[in-house]
Amino acid sequence: MRNLTGYRTDHFALYELLPKYQYSVLSKATGWGLFDPRMLWTLDRLQERFGTATMNDWYWNGRNQFRGWRPFDCPVGADLSSHKFGRAGDIIFKKYPAEEVRVHILENPDDEAYQYITCIEMNVSWFHFDTRNHNTANGLLKIYP
């Protein structure tokens, strides 16, 4: 396993990963520190593989602010969602539908770019992945809405 200590993404700004309020009050070091570096590293690999991707778009007056890290009092998602531990991302790729991304990852589980993905969400219009502590010996954990 590579040393990812202190990893920062090459392709995503912090405002794309944090909600508006947290971005406005946290230092950059604290903000980056909320994330599992395996999730951040994987985000970069996914963008390199599938092209332009969007998570939070509030910075550009969009509606989404909880597709990366979520505070524990966030009404979106499960109480113990991997988002609340900085281990999950919900991504929209410009050129690839989420289902095509899911199929590619499921068909190529040994691809180095996917080595930290342990869970994907099925049957949703975005690509959700996370890096939770799940044994993938029998495959990725697939969650359904």
N, C-alpha and C. Protein backbone atom coordinates (compact mmCIF):
# COMPACT_ATOMS: atom_id res chain seq x y z
N MET A 1 0.85 -1.19 0.00
CA MET A 1 0.00 0.00 0.00
C MET A 1 0.89 1.24 0.00
N ARG A 2 0.58 2.17 -0.86
CA ARG A 2 1.37 3.40 -0.96
C ARG A 2 1.08 4.31 0.22
N ASN A 3 2.01 5.18 0.52
CA ASN A 3 1.83 6.16 1.59
C ASN A 3 1.04 7.34 1.04
N LEU A 4 -0.15 7.52 1.53
CA LEU A 4 -1.02 8.60 1.07
C LEU A 4 -1.17 9.70 2.12
N THR A 5 -0.34 9.67 3.13
CA THR A 5 -0.43 10.67 4.19
C THR A 5 -0.38 12.07 3.61
N GLY A 6 -1.35 12.90 3.99
CA GLY A 6 -1.38 14.28 3.53
C GLY A 6 -1.81 14.45 2.08
N TYR A 7 -2.41 13.44 1.48
CA TYR A 7 -2.79 13.50 0.06
C TYR A 7 -3.79 14.62 -0.20
N ARG A 8 -3.58 15.35 -1.27
CA ARG A 8 -4.50 16.38 -1.78
C ARG A 8 -4.80 16.03 -3.23
N THR A 9 -6.02 16.24 -3.65
CA THR A 9 -6.38 15.88 -5.03
C THR A 9 -5.73 16.81 -6.05
N ASP A 10 -5.48 16.25 -7.21
CA ASP A 10 -4.97 17.04 -8.33
C ASP A 10 -6.12 17.64 -9.14
N HIS A 11 -7.29 17.03 -9.06
CA HIS A 11 -8.38 17.40 -9.96
C HIS A 11 -9.61 18.01 -9.29
N PHE A 12 -9.64 18.07 -7.98
CA PHE A 12 -10.79 18.62 -7.27
C PHE A 12 -10.33 19.66 -6.26
N ALA A 13 -11.01 20.79 -6.24
CA ALA A 13 -10.76 21.81 -5.22
C ALA A 13 -11.55 21.44 -3.97
N LEU A 14 -11.12 21.95 -2.84
CA LEU A 14 -11.77 21.63 -1.57
C LEU A 14 -13.24 22.02 -1.57
N TYR A 15 -13.60 23.12 -2.24
CA TYR A 15 -15.01 23.54 -2.27
C TYR A 15 -15.88 22.56 -3.06
N GLU A 16 -15.28 21.68 -3.84
CA GLU A 16 -16.05 20.65 -4.54
C GLU A 16 -16.32 19.45 -3.64
N LEU A 17 -15.66 19.40 -2.50
CA LEU A 17 -15.75 18.24 -1.62
C LEU A 17 -16.45 18.53 -0.30
N LEU A 18 -16.46 19.80 0.11
CA LEU A 18 -17.07 20.19 1.39
C LEU A 18 -18.37 20.96 1.17
N PRO A 19 -19.29 20.90 2.14
CA PRO A 19 -20.47 21.76 2.08
C PRO A 19 -20.06 23.23 2.23
N LYS A 20 -20.94 24.10 1.81
CA LYS A 20 -20.66 25.54 1.80
C LYS A 20 -20.24 26.07 3.17
N TYR A 21 -20.99 25.74 4.21
CA TYR A 21 -20.68 26.28 5.53
C TYR A 21 -19.29 25.83 6.00
N GLN A 22 -19.02 24.55 5.94
CA GLN A 22 -17.73 24.04 6.40
C GLN A 22 -16.58 24.63 5.59
N TYR A 23 -16.78 24.80 4.30
CA TYR A 23 -15.73 25.40 3.49
C TYR A 23 -15.45 26.83 3.95
N SER A 24 -16.48 27.53 4.37
CA SER A 24 -16.32 28.94 4.77
C SER A 24 -15.67 29.10 6.14
N VAL A 25 -15.75 28.09 7.01
CA VAL A 25 -15.23 28.27 8.37
C VAL A 25 -13.98 27.45 8.69
N LEU A 26 -13.70 26.42 7.93
CA LEU A 26 -12.55 25.56 8.24
C LEU A 26 -11.31 26.02 7.48
N SER A 27 -10.16 25.83 8.11
CA SER A 27 -8.91 26.07 7.38
C SER A 27 -8.77 24.99 6.31
N LYS A 28 -7.96 25.24 5.32
CA LYS A 28 -7.74 24.24 4.28
C LYS A 28 -7.16 22.95 4.87
N ALA A 29 -6.23 23.09 5.80
CA ALA A 29 -5.62 21.90 6.41
C ALA A 29 -6.67 21.07 7.14
N THR A 30 -7.55 21.73 7.87
CA THR A 30 -8.60 21.01 8.59
C THR A 30 -9.57 20.38 7.60
N GLY A 31 -9.94 21.12 6.57
CA GLY A 31 -10.86 20.59 5.56
C GLY A 31 -10.31 19.34 4.89
N TRP A 32 -9.08 19.40 4.41
CA TRP A 32 -8.48 18.22 3.78
C TRP A 32 -8.36 17.08 4.78
N GLY A 33 -8.10 17.42 6.03
CA GLY A 33 -7.93 16.39 7.05
C GLY A 33 -9.18 15.59 7.36
N LEU A 34 -10.34 16.06 6.92
CA LEU A 34 -11.59 15.32 7.14
C LEU A 34 -11.71 14.10 6.24
N PHE A 35 -10.87 14.01 5.21
CA PHE A 35 -11.03 12.97 4.20
C PHE A 35 -10.05 11.82 4.36
N ASP A 36 -10.55 10.64 4.06
CA ASP A 36 -9.72 9.45 3.93
C ASP A 36 -8.86 9.65 2.68
N PRO A 37 -7.55 9.60 2.79
CA PRO A 37 -6.71 9.83 1.62
C PRO A 37 -6.94 8.81 0.50
N ARG A 38 -7.40 7.61 0.84
CA ARG A 38 -7.70 6.61 -0.20
C ARG A 38 -8.86 7.08 -1.07
N MET A 39 -9.83 7.74 -0.46
CA MET A 39 -10.96 8.28 -1.22
C MET A 39 -10.47 9.38 -2.15
N LEU A 40 -9.63 10.28 -1.64
CA LEU A 40 -9.11 11.38 -2.45
C LEU A 40 -8.27 10.86 -3.62
N TRP A 41 -7.40 9.90 -3.34
CA TRP A 41 -6.56 9.31 -4.39
C TRP A 41 -7.43 8.67 -5.47
N THR A 42 -8.47 7.96 -5.03
CA THR A 42 -9.37 7.30 -5.98
C THR A 42 -10.12 8.31 -6.82
N LEU A 43 -10.53 9.43 -6.23
CA LEU A 43 -11.19 10.49 -7.00
C LEU A 43 -10.32 10.93 -8.18
N ASP A 44 -9.05 11.13 -7.91
CA ASP A 44 -8.14 11.53 -8.99
C ASP A 44 -8.06 10.46 -10.07
N ARG A 45 -7.94 9.20 -9.67
CA ARG A 45 -7.85 8.12 -10.65
C ARG A 45 -9.13 8.03 -11.48
N LEU A 46 -10.28 8.21 -10.84
CA LEU A 46 -11.55 8.15 -11.57
C LEU A 46 -11.64 9.27 -12.60
N GLN A 47 -11.25 10.48 -12.21
CA GLN A 47 -11.31 11.59 -13.16
C GLN A 47 -10.33 11.36 -14.31
N GLU A 48 -9.17 10.83 -14.02
CA GLU A 48 -8.20 10.54 -15.09
C GLU A 48 -8.74 9.47 -16.04
N ARG A 49 -9.48 8.54 -15.53
CA ARG A 49 -10.02 7.44 -16.34
C ARG A 49 -11.26 7.85 -17.13
N PHE A 50 -12.18 8.57 -16.47
CA PHE A 50 -13.49 8.85 -17.08
C PHE A 50 -13.70 10.31 -17.48
N GLY A 51 -12.73 11.16 -17.22
CA GLY A 51 -12.84 12.55 -17.64
C GLY A 51 -13.54 13.45 -16.64
N THR A 52 -13.89 14.63 -17.11
CA THR A 52 -14.46 15.67 -16.27
C THR A 52 -15.57 15.13 -15.37
N ALA A 53 -15.47 15.49 -14.10
CA ALA A 53 -16.42 15.00 -13.11
C ALA A 53 -16.82 16.14 -12.17
N THR A 54 -18.04 16.05 -11.66
CA THR A 54 -18.54 17.04 -10.72
C THR A 54 -19.04 16.34 -9.47
N MET A 55 -18.72 16.95 -8.33
CA MET A 55 -19.33 16.52 -7.07
C MET A 55 -20.18 17.68 -6.59
N ASN A 56 -19.74 18.42 -5.59
CA ASN A 56 -20.51 19.59 -5.14
C ASN A 56 -20.41 20.71 -6.17
N ASP A 57 -21.53 21.36 -6.43
CA ASP A 57 -21.53 22.47 -7.38
C ASP A 57 -22.06 23.77 -6.77
N TRP A 58 -22.21 23.82 -5.45
CA TRP A 58 -22.72 25.03 -4.78
C TRP A 58 -21.86 26.25 -5.09
N TYR A 59 -20.58 26.06 -5.28
CA TYR A 59 -19.64 27.15 -5.53
C TYR A 59 -20.01 27.92 -6.79
N TRP A 60 -20.63 27.23 -7.74
CA TRP A 60 -21.07 27.83 -9.00
C TRP A 60 -22.59 28.05 -8.99
N ASN A 61 -23.14 28.24 -7.80
CA ASN A 61 -24.58 28.46 -7.61
C ASN A 61 -25.43 27.25 -7.95
N GLY A 62 -24.83 26.06 -7.86
CA GLY A 62 -25.58 24.82 -8.06
C GLY A 62 -26.31 24.41 -6.79
N ARG A 63 -26.98 23.29 -6.83
CA ARG A 63 -27.80 22.82 -5.72
C ARG A 63 -27.10 21.80 -4.82
N ASN A 64 -26.00 21.25 -5.25
CA ASN A 64 -25.39 20.13 -4.51
C ASN A 64 -24.25 20.59 -3.61
N GLN A 65 -24.33 20.18 -2.34
CA GLN A 65 -23.25 20.49 -1.41
C GLN A 65 -22.90 19.33 -0.49
N PHE A 66 -23.60 18.21 -0.63
CA PHE A 66 -23.37 17.08 0.26
C PHE A 66 -22.93 15.82 -0.49
N ARG A 67 -22.23 15.97 -1.60
CA ARG A 67 -21.79 14.81 -2.38
C ARG A 67 -20.41 14.32 -1.97
N GLY A 68 -19.74 15.07 -1.13
CA GLY A 68 -18.46 14.65 -0.57
C GLY A 68 -18.65 14.44 0.92
N TRP A 69 -17.91 15.18 1.73
CA TRP A 69 -18.02 15.07 3.19
C TRP A 69 -19.35 15.65 3.66
N ARG A 70 -19.95 14.99 4.66
CA ARG A 70 -21.21 15.47 5.25
C ARG A 70 -21.06 15.57 6.76
N PRO A 71 -21.60 16.63 7.36
CA PRO A 71 -21.57 16.72 8.82
C PRO A 71 -22.52 15.68 9.43
N PHE A 72 -22.29 15.35 10.70
CA PHE A 72 -23.12 14.32 11.34
C PHE A 72 -24.58 14.73 11.48
N ASP A 73 -24.89 16.02 11.47
CA ASP A 73 -26.29 16.44 11.55
C ASP A 73 -26.93 16.64 10.18
N CYS A 74 -26.26 16.20 9.13
CA CYS A 74 -26.77 16.35 7.77
C CYS A 74 -28.01 15.48 7.57
N PRO A 75 -29.08 16.06 7.03
CA PRO A 75 -30.30 15.28 6.80
C PRO A 75 -30.23 14.35 5.59
N VAL A 76 -29.19 14.48 4.77
CA VAL A 76 -29.04 13.66 3.57
C VAL A 76 -28.31 12.37 3.92
N GLY A 77 -28.86 11.24 3.48
CA GLY A 77 -28.17 9.97 3.64
C GLY A 77 -28.37 9.31 4.99
N ALA A 78 -27.69 8.20 5.17
CA ALA A 78 -27.81 7.39 6.38
C ALA A 78 -27.07 8.03 7.55
N ASP A 79 -27.49 7.67 8.75
CA ASP A 79 -26.88 8.22 9.97
C ASP A 79 -25.37 7.96 10.02
N LEU A 80 -24.95 6.79 9.60
CA LEU A 80 -23.53 6.44 9.64
C LEU A 80 -22.94 6.30 8.23
N SER A 81 -23.43 7.12 7.33
CA SER A 81 -22.94 7.14 5.95
C SER A 81 -21.42 7.31 5.91
N SER A 82 -20.78 6.66 4.96
CA SER A 82 -19.34 6.84 4.77
C SER A 82 -18.98 8.28 4.42
N HIS A 83 -19.93 9.03 3.90
CA HIS A 83 -19.71 10.46 3.62
C HIS A 83 -19.34 11.20 4.91
N LYS A 84 -19.93 10.80 6.02
CA LYS A 84 -19.72 11.50 7.29
C LYS A 84 -18.36 11.19 7.90
N PHE A 85 -17.68 10.21 7.33
CA PHE A 85 -16.33 9.86 7.77
C PHE A 85 -15.28 10.23 6.71
N GLY A 86 -15.72 10.93 5.67
CA GLY A 86 -14.80 11.35 4.61
C GLY A 86 -14.33 10.24 3.71
N ARG A 87 -15.14 9.17 3.62
CA ARG A 87 -14.74 8.00 2.85
C ARG A 87 -15.57 7.78 1.60
N ALA A 88 -16.45 8.74 1.23
CA ALA A 88 -17.36 8.50 0.10
C ALA A 88 -17.48 9.71 -0.80
N GLY A 89 -17.78 9.42 -2.06
CA GLY A 89 -18.04 10.48 -3.03
C GLY A 89 -19.19 10.09 -3.94
N ASP A 90 -19.99 11.07 -4.31
CA ASP A 90 -21.05 10.91 -5.30
C ASP A 90 -20.67 11.78 -6.50
N ILE A 91 -20.42 11.14 -7.62
CA ILE A 91 -19.83 11.82 -8.77
C ILE A 91 -20.74 11.74 -9.99
N ILE A 92 -20.79 12.83 -10.72
CA ILE A 92 -21.43 12.86 -12.04
C ILE A 92 -20.30 13.09 -13.06
N PHE A 93 -20.16 12.15 -13.98
CA PHE A 93 -19.16 12.29 -15.04
C PHE A 93 -19.82 12.92 -16.26
N LYS A 94 -19.12 13.83 -16.88
CA LYS A 94 -19.67 14.56 -18.03
C LYS A 94 -19.94 13.64 -19.21
N LYS A 95 -19.05 12.69 -19.46
CA LYS A 95 -19.15 11.88 -20.68
C LYS A 95 -19.61 10.44 -20.45
N TYR A 96 -19.73 10.02 -19.19
CA TYR A 96 -20.08 8.63 -18.93
C TYR A 96 -21.24 8.55 -17.94
N PRO A 97 -22.28 7.78 -18.27
CA PRO A 97 -23.35 7.57 -17.29
C PRO A 97 -22.83 6.72 -16.13
N ALA A 98 -23.42 6.91 -14.97
CA ALA A 98 -22.97 6.20 -13.77
C ALA A 98 -22.98 4.69 -13.96
N GLU A 99 -23.98 4.17 -14.64
CA GLU A 99 -24.06 2.72 -14.81
C GLU A 99 -22.88 2.19 -15.61
N GLU A 100 -22.43 2.92 -16.60
CA GLU A 100 -21.27 2.50 -17.38
C GLU A 100 -20.01 2.47 -16.52
N VAL A 101 -19.87 3.44 -15.63
CA VAL A 101 -18.73 3.48 -14.71
C VAL A 101 -18.79 2.28 -13.77
N ARG A 102 -19.97 2.03 -13.20
CA ARG A 102 -20.13 0.88 -12.29
C ARG A 102 -19.77 -0.43 -12.99
N VAL A 103 -20.28 -0.63 -14.19
CA VAL A 103 -20.01 -1.86 -14.94
C VAL A 103 -18.51 -2.00 -15.18
N HIS A 104 -17.86 -0.93 -15.58
CA HIS A 104 -16.42 -0.99 -15.85
C HIS A 104 -15.65 -1.40 -14.59
N ILE A 105 -16.00 -0.83 -13.47
CA ILE A 105 -15.30 -1.14 -12.21
C ILE A 105 -15.58 -2.58 -11.79
N LEU A 106 -16.82 -3.02 -11.90
CA LEU A 106 -17.15 -4.40 -11.53
C LEU A 106 -16.48 -5.42 -12.46
N GLU A 107 -16.27 -5.05 -13.72
CA GLU A 107 -15.62 -5.96 -14.67
C GLU A 107 -14.09 -5.91 -14.57
N ASN A 108 -13.55 -4.93 -13.86
CA ASN A 108 -12.10 -4.76 -13.75
C ASN A 108 -11.69 -4.55 -12.29
N PRO A 109 -12.03 -5.49 -11.42
CA PRO A 109 -11.79 -5.29 -9.99
C PRO A 109 -10.32 -5.22 -9.60
N ASP A 110 -9.44 -5.72 -10.45
CA ASP A 110 -8.01 -5.71 -10.11
C ASP A 110 -7.26 -4.51 -10.68
N ASP A 111 -7.97 -3.61 -11.33
CA ASP A 111 -7.35 -2.39 -11.86
C ASP A 111 -6.82 -1.57 -10.68
N GLU A 112 -5.57 -1.16 -10.75
CA GLU A 112 -4.95 -0.41 -9.66
C GLU A 112 -5.74 0.85 -9.30
N ALA A 113 -6.37 1.47 -10.28
CA ALA A 113 -7.12 2.70 -10.03
C ALA A 113 -8.29 2.47 -9.08
N TYR A 114 -8.75 1.23 -8.96
CA TYR A 114 -9.92 0.92 -8.14
C TYR A 114 -9.56 0.18 -6.85
N GLN A 115 -8.28 0.09 -6.55
CA GLN A 115 -7.83 -0.75 -5.44
C GLN A 115 -8.42 -0.38 -4.09
N TYR A 116 -8.81 0.86 -3.88
CA TYR A 116 -9.34 1.27 -2.58
C TYR A 116 -10.86 1.31 -2.54
N ILE A 117 -11.51 1.10 -3.66
CA ILE A 117 -12.98 1.09 -3.67
C ILE A 117 -13.46 -0.21 -3.04
N THR A 118 -14.26 -0.09 -2.00
CA THR A 118 -14.80 -1.27 -1.32
C THR A 118 -16.31 -1.38 -1.44
N CYS A 119 -16.96 -0.29 -1.86
CA CYS A 119 -18.42 -0.27 -1.92
C CYS A 119 -18.88 0.66 -3.03
N ILE A 120 -19.91 0.25 -3.75
CA ILE A 120 -20.55 1.13 -4.73
C ILE A 120 -22.06 1.05 -4.53
N GLU A 121 -22.73 2.14 -4.87
CA GLU A 121 -24.19 2.17 -4.79
C GLU A 121 -24.75 1.90 -6.18
N MET A 122 -25.74 1.04 -6.22
CA MET A 122 -26.34 0.62 -7.48
C MET A 122 -27.64 1.39 -7.73
N ASN A 123 -28.06 1.41 -8.99
CA ASN A 123 -29.38 1.92 -9.38
C ASN A 123 -29.62 3.37 -9.02
N VAL A 124 -28.58 4.20 -9.09
CA VAL A 124 -28.75 5.64 -8.89
C VAL A 124 -28.09 6.35 -10.08
N SER A 125 -28.47 7.59 -10.31
CA SER A 125 -28.00 8.31 -11.50
C SER A 125 -26.62 8.92 -11.34
N TRP A 126 -26.04 8.80 -10.15
CA TRP A 126 -24.69 9.28 -9.89
C TRP A 126 -23.83 8.07 -9.55
N PHE A 127 -22.53 8.25 -9.57
CA PHE A 127 -21.64 7.17 -9.18
C PHE A 127 -21.20 7.38 -7.73
N HIS A 128 -21.69 6.51 -6.84
CA HIS A 128 -21.26 6.54 -5.44
C HIS A 128 -20.24 5.44 -5.24
N PHE A 129 -19.12 5.82 -4.62
CA PHE A 129 -18.15 4.82 -4.19
C PHE A 129 -17.70 5.21 -2.80
N ASP A 130 -17.20 4.20 -2.08
CA ASP A 130 -16.56 4.55 -0.82
C ASP A 130 -15.45 3.57 -0.50
N THR A 131 -14.69 3.95 0.53
CA THR A 131 -13.48 3.22 0.91
C THR A 131 -13.61 2.68 2.33
N ARG A 132 -14.84 2.32 2.71
CA ARG A 132 -15.08 1.79 4.06
C ARG A 132 -14.24 0.53 4.31
N ASN A 133 -14.12 0.17 5.56
CA ASN A 133 -13.36 -1.01 5.96
C ASN A 133 -14.22 -2.25 5.71
N HIS A 134 -14.18 -2.74 4.49
CA HIS A 134 -14.96 -3.91 4.07
C HIS A 134 -14.03 -4.86 3.33
N ASN A 135 -14.08 -6.12 3.69
CA ASN A 135 -13.26 -7.13 3.04
C ASN A 135 -13.82 -7.41 1.65
N THR A 136 -13.05 -7.13 0.63
CA THR A 136 -13.52 -7.31 -0.75
C THR A 136 -13.13 -8.67 -1.34
N ALA A 137 -12.73 -9.62 -0.50
CA ALA A 137 -12.34 -10.94 -1.01
C ALA A 137 -13.46 -11.57 -1.83
N ASN A 138 -14.70 -11.29 -1.48
CA ASN A 138 -15.84 -11.83 -2.22
C ASN A 138 -16.47 -10.77 -3.12
N GLY A 139 -15.73 -9.74 -3.43
CA GLY A 139 -16.22 -8.68 -4.31
C GLY A 139 -16.60 -7.43 -3.55
N LEU A 140 -16.89 -6.39 -4.32
CA LEU A 140 -17.29 -5.12 -3.73
C LEU A 140 -18.65 -5.25 -3.05
N LEU A 141 -18.83 -4.49 -2.00
CA LEU A 141 -20.13 -4.38 -1.37
C LEU A 141 -21.00 -3.52 -2.29
N LYS A 142 -22.18 -4.01 -2.61
CA LYS A 142 -23.11 -3.26 -3.45
C LYS A 142 -24.29 -2.87 -2.58
N ILE A 143 -24.56 -1.58 -2.51
CA ILE A 143 -25.71 -1.12 -1.74
C ILE A 143 -26.78 -0.61 -2.70
N TYR A 144 -28.01 -0.77 -2.27
CA TYR A 144 -29.15 -0.37 -3.10
C TYR A 144 -29.98 0.65 -2.34
N PRO A 145 -30.47 1.68 -3.07
CA PRO A 145 -31.27 2.71 -2.39
C PRO A 145 -32.60 2.15 -1.89
